[in-house]
Amino acid sequence: MSQQEKMKAYWRRNVKILLSLLAVWFTVSFGCGILLVDVLNKVQLGGFKLGFWFAQQGAIYVFVILIFVYVWLLNKLDREFDVHE
């Protein structure tokens, strides 16, 4: 595999990871916070309706977790393509 092909494969995998994590973030923030709010509001978490919790807190927690997942996955990808620091 040439260096150019290796770089393209690395970038393709990077974009695939990024789009997957963005889909999770969108599902949690938009889906749970807006679209499914009526269904989720039937459940309470800490005295607050679950839909409200996802809109105000849950999406932020998921976003922070996704940052750590992205770092972990990219470090793994960097080692696989031998471009790690």
C-alpha atoms as a PDB file:
ATOM      1  CA  MET A   1       0.000   0.000   0.000  1.00  0.00           C
ATOM      2  CA  SER A   2       1.443   3.363  -1.001  1.00  0.00           C
ATOM      3  CA  GLN A   3       1.707   6.276   1.402  1.00  0.00           C
ATOM      4  CA  GLN A   4      -1.037   8.140  -0.482  1.00  0.00           C
ATOM      5  CA  GLU A   5      -3.435   5.172  -0.240  1.00  0.00           C
ATOM      6  CA  LYS A   6      -2.580   4.785   3.426  1.00  0.00           C
ATOM      7  CA  MET A   7      -3.384   8.453   4.058  1.00  0.00           C
ATOM      8  CA  LYS A   8      -6.719   8.152   2.228  1.00  0.00           C
ATOM      9  CA  ALA A   9      -7.650   5.022   4.174  1.00  0.00           C
ATOM     10  CA  TYR A  10      -6.739   6.743   7.441  1.00  0.00           C
ATOM     11  CA  TRP A  11      -8.836   9.784   6.597  1.00  0.00           C
ATOM     12  CA  ARG A  12     -11.805   7.631   5.490  1.00  0.00           C
ATOM     13  CA  ARG A  13     -11.754   5.760   8.809  1.00  0.00           C
ATOM     14  CA  ASN A  14     -11.407   9.044  10.712  1.00  0.00           C
ATOM     15  CA  VAL A  15     -14.461  10.536   8.953  1.00  0.00           C
ATOM     16  CA  LYS A  16     -16.434   7.319   9.528  1.00  0.00           C
ATOM     17  CA  ILE A  17     -15.694   7.487  13.270  1.00  0.00           C
ATOM     18  CA  LEU A  18     -16.549  11.180  13.379  1.00  0.00           C
ATOM     19  CA  LEU A  19     -19.870  10.744  11.554  1.00  0.00           C
ATOM     20  CA  SER A  20     -20.820   7.817  13.794  1.00  0.00           C
ATOM     21  CA  LEU A  21     -20.177   9.828  16.937  1.00  0.00           C
ATOM     22  CA  LEU A  22     -22.027  12.827  15.528  1.00  0.00           C
ATOM     23  CA  ALA A  23     -25.013  10.581  14.807  1.00  0.00           C
ATOM     24  CA  VAL A  24     -25.024   9.450  18.453  1.00  0.00           C
ATOM     25  CA  TRP A  25     -24.774  13.059  19.645  1.00  0.00           C
ATOM     26  CA  PHE A  26     -27.591  14.161  17.302  1.00  0.00           C
ATOM     27  CA  THR A  27     -29.811  11.281  18.410  1.00  0.00           C
ATOM     28  CA  VAL A  28     -29.328  12.104  22.078  1.00  0.00           C
ATOM     29  CA  SER A  29     -29.540  15.885  21.837  1.00  0.00           C
ATOM     30  CA  PHE A  30     -32.208  16.306  19.168  1.00  0.00           C
ATOM     31  CA  GLY A  31     -33.998  12.965  19.410  1.00  0.00           C
ATOM     32  CA  CYS A  32     -34.229  12.601  23.184  1.00  0.00           C
ATOM     33  CA  GLY A  33     -34.309  16.326  23.967  1.00  0.00           C
ATOM     34  CA  ILE A  34     -36.902  17.372  21.374  1.00  0.00           C
ATOM     35  CA  LEU A  35     -38.564  14.570  19.394  1.00  0.00           C
ATOM     36  CA  LEU A  36     -39.066  12.003  22.162  1.00  0.00           C
ATOM     37  CA  VAL A  37     -39.591  14.501  24.977  1.00  0.00           C
ATOM     38  CA  ASP A  38     -43.259  13.587  25.552  1.00  0.00           C
ATOM     39  CA  VAL A  39     -42.480   9.882  25.876  1.00  0.00           C
ATOM     40  CA  LEU A  40     -39.459  10.498  28.108  1.00  0.00           C
ATOM     41  CA  ASN A  41     -41.349  12.956  30.325  1.00  0.00           C
ATOM     42  CA  LYS A  42     -43.408  10.051  31.675  1.00  0.00           C
ATOM     43  CA  VAL A  43     -40.269   8.937  33.556  1.00  0.00           C
ATOM     44  CA  GLN A  44     -38.701  11.017  36.319  1.00  0.00           C
ATOM     45  CA  LEU A  45     -35.000  11.241  37.191  1.00  0.00           C
ATOM     46  CA  GLY A  46     -34.030  13.040  40.387  1.00  0.00           C
ATOM     47  CA  GLY A  47     -37.413  14.760  40.548  1.00  0.00           C
ATOM     48  CA  PHE A  48     -37.180  16.054  36.975  1.00  0.00           C
ATOM     49  CA  LYS A  49     -38.911  14.711  33.903  1.00  0.00           C
ATOM     50  CA  LEU A  50     -36.494  12.625  31.824  1.00  0.00           C
ATOM     51  CA  GLY A  51     -37.140  14.646  28.645  1.00  0.00           C
ATOM     52  CA  PHE A  52     -36.182  17.838  30.456  1.00  0.00           C
ATOM     53  CA  TRP A  53     -33.124  16.128  31.926  1.00  0.00           C
ATOM     54  CA  PHE A  54     -31.914  15.000  28.474  1.00  0.00           C
ATOM     55  CA  ALA A  55     -32.481  18.466  27.023  1.00  0.00           C
ATOM     56  CA  GLN A  56     -30.650  20.242  29.859  1.00  0.00           C
ATOM     57  CA  GLN A  57     -28.042  17.804  31.197  1.00  0.00           C
ATOM     58  CA  GLY A  58     -28.006  14.470  29.400  1.00  0.00           C
ATOM     59  CA  ALA A  59     -26.915  15.807  26.029  1.00  0.00           C
ATOM     60  CA  ILE A  60     -23.985  17.620  27.666  1.00  0.00           C
ATOM     61  CA  TYR A  61     -22.880  14.479  29.528  1.00  0.00           C
ATOM     62  CA  VAL A  62     -23.123  12.406  26.357  1.00  0.00           C
ATOM     63  CA  PHE A  63     -21.145  15.046  24.438  1.00  0.00           C
ATOM     64  CA  VAL A  64     -18.315  14.951  27.010  1.00  0.00           C
ATOM     65  CA  ILE A  65     -18.298  11.138  26.945  1.00  0.00           C
ATOM     66  CA  LEU A  66     -18.166  11.226  23.132  1.00  0.00           C
ATOM     67  CA  ILE A  67     -15.074  13.448  23.295  1.00  0.00           C
ATOM     68  CA  PHE A  68     -13.266  10.801  25.349  1.00  0.00           C
ATOM     69  CA  VAL A  69     -14.513   8.032  23.051  1.00  0.00           C
ATOM     70  CA  TYR A  70     -13.263   9.981  20.019  1.00  0.00           C
ATOM     71  CA  VAL A  71      -9.827  10.442  21.589  1.00  0.00           C
ATOM     72  CA  TRP A  72      -9.627   6.738  22.446  1.00  0.00           C
ATOM     73  CA  LEU A  73     -10.728   5.643  18.957  1.00  0.00           C
ATOM     74  CA  LEU A  74      -8.363   8.055  17.198  1.00  0.00           C
ATOM     75  CA  ASN A  75      -5.415   6.979  19.335  1.00  0.00           C
ATOM     76  CA  LYS A  76      -6.220   3.386  18.386  1.00  0.00           C
ATOM     77  CA  LEU A  77      -6.489   4.385  14.709  1.00  0.00           C
ATOM     78  CA  ASP A  78      -3.200   6.311  14.896  1.00  0.00           C
ATOM     79  CA  ARG A  79      -1.412   3.238  16.246  1.00  0.00           C
ATOM     80  CA  GLU A  80      -2.971   1.054  13.564  1.00  0.00           C
ATOM     81  CA  PHE A  81      -1.705   3.357  10.787  1.00  0.00           C
ATOM     82  CA  ASP A  82       1.555   4.079  12.622  1.00  0.00           C
ATOM     83  CA  VAL A  83       1.017   7.831  12.818  1.00  0.00           C
ATOM     84  CA  HIS A  84       0.896   8.083  16.607  1.00  0.00           C
ATOM     85  CA  GLU A  85       3.023  10.503  18.570  1.00  0.00           C
END
